[in-house]
Amino acid sequence: MARIVVARVSEIPPGQRKIVVPFRGRAGIGIFNVGGSFYAVRNICPHKNGPLCTGTLGGRVTTQAPPSTGEGEISIDGDGEILHCPWHQWSFEISTGRCLVDPEVYVKTYAVEIDGDDVVVTFED
């Protein structure tokens, strides 16, 4: 396993990201701070190879009934935990890489460790 320092903790406040390009000679990765936990996601959307990590951050939209009935309140859970690809709006859980549009699809994720003030990504060499 190889390790690389990609940022300082202080560079990526909660709710923010840092895109590291290139990463291992490829399109890069996004480092995300979600409520104080750090995650690394490959910067290529598995749908059509878009620049995934430049997309918008959001949450899961939930409701108890269809909004058209007048009885369903819309709420957003886990704001900042979902990454939406800028090309076609496919949504991915940052923590797992799981696609919310097609649960069989995943984006590559990397292990992240905090070592003092360093954000360290671990990957297979």
Protein backbone atom coordinates (compact mmCIF):
# COMPACT_ATOMS: atom_id res chain seq x y z
CA MET A 1 0.00 0.00 0.00
CA ALA A 2 1.19 3.49 -0.83
CA ARG A 3 0.38 6.68 1.08
CA ILE A 4 0.43 10.26 -0.13
CA VAL A 5 -0.23 13.52 1.70
CA VAL A 6 -2.82 15.41 -0.36
CA ALA A 7 -3.68 18.36 1.89
CA ARG A 8 -3.64 19.86 5.35
CA VAL A 9 -6.79 19.40 7.44
CA SER A 10 -7.00 23.19 7.74
CA GLU A 11 -7.19 23.53 3.91
CA ILE A 12 -10.51 21.69 3.70
CA PRO A 13 -13.09 22.98 6.21
CA PRO A 14 -16.33 21.03 6.80
CA GLY A 15 -18.58 21.14 3.74
CA GLN A 16 -15.66 21.88 1.40
CA ARG A 17 -13.47 19.92 -0.98
CA LYS A 18 -10.08 19.96 -2.62
CA ILE A 19 -9.49 18.45 -6.05
CA VAL A 20 -6.05 16.92 -6.52
CA VAL A 21 -5.03 16.60 -10.19
CA PRO A 22 -3.31 14.52 -11.31
CA PHE A 23 -3.48 11.66 -8.87
CA ARG A 24 -1.45 8.61 -9.83
CA GLY A 25 -1.20 10.01 -13.40
CA ARG A 26 -4.96 10.10 -13.86
CA ALA A 27 -7.85 12.58 -13.75
CA GLY A 28 -7.44 13.15 -10.04
CA ILE A 29 -9.45 12.76 -6.89
CA GLY A 30 -11.67 14.93 -4.75
CA ILE A 31 -11.01 15.14 -1.04
CA PHE A 32 -14.22 15.98 0.85
CA ASN A 33 -14.73 17.06 4.46
CA VAL A 34 -18.20 15.85 5.42
CA GLY A 35 -18.93 16.99 8.96
CA GLY A 36 -15.31 16.51 10.03
CA SER A 37 -14.83 13.14 8.31
CA PHE A 38 -12.62 13.03 5.23
CA TYR A 39 -13.28 11.00 2.08
CA ALA A 40 -11.52 10.62 -1.28
CA VAL A 41 -13.42 9.98 -4.51
CA ARG A 42 -12.10 9.42 -8.02
CA ASN A 43 -12.74 12.45 -10.25
CA ILE A 44 -14.34 10.43 -13.05
CA CYS A 45 -18.07 9.73 -13.16
CA PRO A 46 -18.63 6.07 -14.11
CA HIS A 47 -21.69 7.08 -16.17
CA LYS A 48 -20.03 9.08 -18.99
CA ASN A 49 -16.56 9.93 -17.57
CA GLY A 50 -17.49 13.46 -16.49
CA PRO A 51 -15.45 15.47 -13.94
CA LEU A 52 -17.45 14.16 -10.99
CA CYS A 53 -15.70 16.00 -8.16
CA THR A 54 -16.51 19.43 -9.65
CA GLY A 55 -20.23 18.73 -9.19
CA THR A 56 -22.58 20.16 -6.60
CA LEU A 57 -22.95 18.82 -3.08
CA GLY A 58 -26.35 18.09 -1.63
CA GLY A 59 -28.36 15.62 0.40
CA ARG A 60 -31.08 13.03 0.01
CA VAL A 61 -34.49 14.45 -0.81
CA THR A 62 -37.19 12.67 1.21
CA THR A 63 -40.93 13.01 1.65
CA GLN A 64 -43.67 11.09 3.43
CA ALA A 65 -46.18 11.50 0.57
CA PRO A 66 -46.11 12.85 -2.97
CA PRO A 67 -45.81 16.65 -2.82
CA SER A 68 -48.69 16.94 -5.31
CA THR A 69 -51.09 15.64 -2.64
CA GLY A 70 -50.45 18.69 -0.47
CA GLU A 71 -49.60 16.37 2.42
CA GLY A 72 -45.98 15.55 1.69
CA GLU A 73 -43.31 17.80 3.12
CA ILE A 74 -40.02 17.69 1.30
CA SER A 75 -36.89 17.53 3.42
CA ILE A 76 -33.19 17.15 2.70
CA ASP A 77 -31.28 14.66 4.82
CA GLY A 78 -27.50 14.44 5.01
CA ASP A 79 -26.81 17.76 3.33
CA GLY A 80 -23.29 17.72 1.87
CA GLU A 81 -23.07 13.90 1.79
CA ILE A 82 -24.15 13.46 -1.85
CA LEU A 83 -22.11 14.48 -4.90
CA HIS A 84 -23.98 15.26 -8.14
CA CYS A 85 -22.08 14.90 -11.41
CA PRO A 86 -22.10 18.23 -13.31
CA TRP A 87 -22.80 16.55 -16.67
CA HIS A 88 -25.93 14.44 -16.09
CA GLN A 89 -26.67 14.88 -12.36
CA TRP A 90 -25.99 11.27 -11.39
CA SER A 91 -25.73 11.24 -7.60
CA PHE A 92 -23.15 9.42 -5.48
CA GLU A 93 -22.69 8.91 -1.73
CA ILE A 94 -19.31 10.44 -0.94
CA SER A 95 -18.64 8.02 1.93
CA THR A 96 -19.23 4.81 -0.06
CA GLY A 97 -19.09 5.77 -3.75
CA ARG A 98 -22.53 4.17 -4.27
CA CYS A 99 -24.62 5.64 -7.07
CA LEU A 100 -28.16 6.65 -6.08
CA VAL A 101 -29.38 6.51 -9.71
CA ASP A 102 -28.18 2.93 -10.28
CA PRO A 103 -27.21 1.01 -7.11
CA GLU A 104 -25.08 -1.39 -9.18
CA VAL A 105 -22.72 1.48 -10.08
CA TYR A 106 -19.95 2.78 -7.82
CA VAL A 107 -17.32 5.46 -8.17
CA LYS A 108 -13.85 4.50 -6.92
CA THR A 109 -13.09 5.65 -3.37
CA TYR A 110 -9.81 5.72 -1.48
CA ALA A 111 -9.02 5.31 2.20
CA VAL A 112 -8.22 8.58 3.97
CA GLU A 113 -6.31 8.95 7.23
CA ILE A 114 -5.56 12.03 9.29
CA ASP A 115 -1.97 12.15 10.52
CA GLY A 116 -1.56 15.26 12.67
CA ASP A 117 -2.65 18.05 10.29
CA ASP A 118 -1.99 15.96 7.17
CA VAL A 119 -4.74 14.41 5.05
CA VAL A 120 -3.27 11.16 3.76
CA VAL A 121 -4.75 8.99 1.00
CA THR A 122 -3.86 5.29 0.92
CA PHE A 123 -4.02 3.27 -2.28
CA GLU A 124 -2.68 0.10 -3.84
CA ASP A 125 0.60 0.79 -5.57
